[in-house]
């Protein structure tokens, strides 16, 4: 089961993606087009792995990579 936990950051927010107690990555809103980007890895904030205009659709894509 994947958990999504919103956290406030300086100047914005991030959603932690957690599975089995481990942080798999973060979701942040893309500043230019308003879509959402998934950054794989607990400390990665530079290289987006997946993106979508819809947050729900992005979560489906993330969960599909875990199967």
C-alpha atoms as a PDB file:
ATOM      1  CA  UNK A   1       0.000   0.000   0.000  1.00  0.00           C
ATOM      2  CA  UNK A   2       1.257   3.456  -0.927  1.00  0.00           C
ATOM      3  CA  UNK A   3       0.747   6.417   1.387  1.00  0.00           C
ATOM      4  CA  UNK A   4       0.813  10.075   0.391  1.00  0.00           C
ATOM      5  CA  UNK A   5       1.698  12.621   3.069  1.00  0.00           C
ATOM      6  CA  UNK A   6       1.643  16.361   2.342  1.00  0.00           C
ATOM      7  CA  UNK A   7       4.331  18.490   3.951  1.00  0.00           C
ATOM      8  CA  UNK A   8       4.984  22.213   3.871  1.00  0.00           C
ATOM      9  CA  UNK A   9       8.297  23.399   2.529  1.00  0.00           C
ATOM     10  CA  UNK A  10       9.862  26.817   2.453  1.00  0.00           C
ATOM     11  CA  UNK A  11       8.075  28.496  -0.441  1.00  0.00           C
ATOM     12  CA  UNK A  12       5.689  25.643  -1.234  1.00  0.00           C
ATOM     13  CA  UNK A  13       4.736  22.075  -0.497  1.00  0.00           C
ATOM     14  CA  UNK A  14       5.640  18.503  -1.338  1.00  0.00           C
ATOM     15  CA  UNK A  15       3.850  15.168  -1.058  1.00  0.00           C
ATOM     16  CA  UNK A  16       5.943  12.315   0.313  1.00  0.00           C
ATOM     17  CA  UNK A  17       5.344   8.977  -1.396  1.00  0.00           C
ATOM     18  CA  UNK A  18       5.739   6.237   1.227  1.00  0.00           C
ATOM     19  CA  UNK A  19       5.523   2.441   0.939  1.00  0.00           C
ATOM     20  CA  UNK A  20       6.213  -0.048   3.720  1.00  0.00           C
ATOM     21  CA  UNK A  21       7.546   2.765   5.918  1.00  0.00           C
ATOM     22  CA  UNK A  22      10.150   3.968   3.401  1.00  0.00           C
ATOM     23  CA  UNK A  23      10.074   7.237   1.474  1.00  0.00           C
ATOM     24  CA  UNK A  24      10.140   6.367  -2.229  1.00  0.00           C
ATOM     25  CA  UNK A  25      10.052   9.923  -3.537  1.00  0.00           C
ATOM     26  CA  UNK A  26       8.162  13.204  -3.612  1.00  0.00           C
ATOM     27  CA  UNK A  27       5.502  14.883  -5.736  1.00  0.00           C
ATOM     28  CA  UNK A  28       5.687  18.598  -6.408  1.00  0.00           C
ATOM     29  CA  UNK A  29       3.736  20.986  -8.593  1.00  0.00           C
ATOM     30  CA  UNK A  30       5.598  22.041 -11.737  1.00  0.00           C
ATOM     31  CA  UNK A  31       5.955  25.811 -11.762  1.00  0.00           C
ATOM     32  CA  UNK A  32       5.756  26.372 -15.524  1.00  0.00           C
ATOM     33  CA  UNK A  33       2.798  24.295 -16.693  1.00  0.00           C
ATOM     34  CA  UNK A  34       0.930  23.664 -13.437  1.00  0.00           C
ATOM     35  CA  UNK A  35       1.229  19.886 -13.727  1.00  0.00           C
ATOM     36  CA  UNK A  36       2.630  17.536 -11.124  1.00  0.00           C
ATOM     37  CA  UNK A  37       6.052  15.860 -11.139  1.00  0.00           C
ATOM     38  CA  UNK A  38       7.218  12.766  -9.247  1.00  0.00           C
ATOM     39  CA  UNK A  39      10.836  12.766  -8.087  1.00  0.00           C
ATOM     40  CA  UNK A  40      11.966   9.186  -7.393  1.00  0.00           C
ATOM     41  CA  UNK A  41      14.239   8.745  -4.376  1.00  0.00           C
ATOM     42  CA  UNK A  42      14.102  10.174  -0.848  1.00  0.00           C
ATOM     43  CA  UNK A  43      16.509  13.058  -1.569  1.00  0.00           C
ATOM     44  CA  UNK A  44      16.039  13.667  -5.299  1.00  0.00           C
ATOM     45  CA  UNK A  45      14.653  17.127  -6.057  1.00  0.00           C
ATOM     46  CA  UNK A  46      16.160  17.689  -9.503  1.00  0.00           C
ATOM     47  CA  UNK A  47      15.342  14.811 -11.845  1.00  0.00           C
ATOM     48  CA  UNK A  48      11.649  14.138 -12.348  1.00  0.00           C
ATOM     49  CA  UNK A  49      10.705  10.556 -13.176  1.00  0.00           C
ATOM     50  CA  UNK A  50       7.006  10.876 -14.027  1.00  0.00           C
ATOM     51  CA  UNK A  51       4.612  13.736 -14.637  1.00  0.00           C
ATOM     52  CA  UNK A  52       0.955  14.417 -15.313  1.00  0.00           C
ATOM     53  CA  UNK A  53      -1.441  17.360 -15.335  1.00  0.00           C
ATOM     54  CA  UNK A  54      -3.718  15.457 -12.938  1.00  0.00           C
ATOM     55  CA  UNK A  55      -2.516  14.510  -9.442  1.00  0.00           C
ATOM     56  CA  UNK A  56      -4.734  11.421  -9.275  1.00  0.00           C
ATOM     57  CA  UNK A  57      -3.445  10.150 -12.621  1.00  0.00           C
ATOM     58  CA  UNK A  58       0.148  10.682 -11.473  1.00  0.00           C
ATOM     59  CA  UNK A  59      -0.516   8.611  -8.346  1.00  0.00           C
ATOM     60  CA  UNK A  60      -1.843   5.794 -10.561  1.00  0.00           C
ATOM     61  CA  UNK A  61       1.349   5.942 -12.649  1.00  0.00           C
ATOM     62  CA  UNK A  62       3.529   5.852  -9.516  1.00  0.00           C
ATOM     63  CA  UNK A  63       1.665   2.858  -8.102  1.00  0.00           C
ATOM     64  CA  UNK A  64       1.924   1.030 -11.451  1.00  0.00           C
ATOM     65  CA  UNK A  65       5.727   1.220 -11.252  1.00  0.00           C
ATOM     66  CA  UNK A  66       5.626  -0.566  -7.880  1.00  0.00           C
ATOM     67  CA  UNK A  67       3.801  -3.678  -9.082  1.00  0.00           C
END
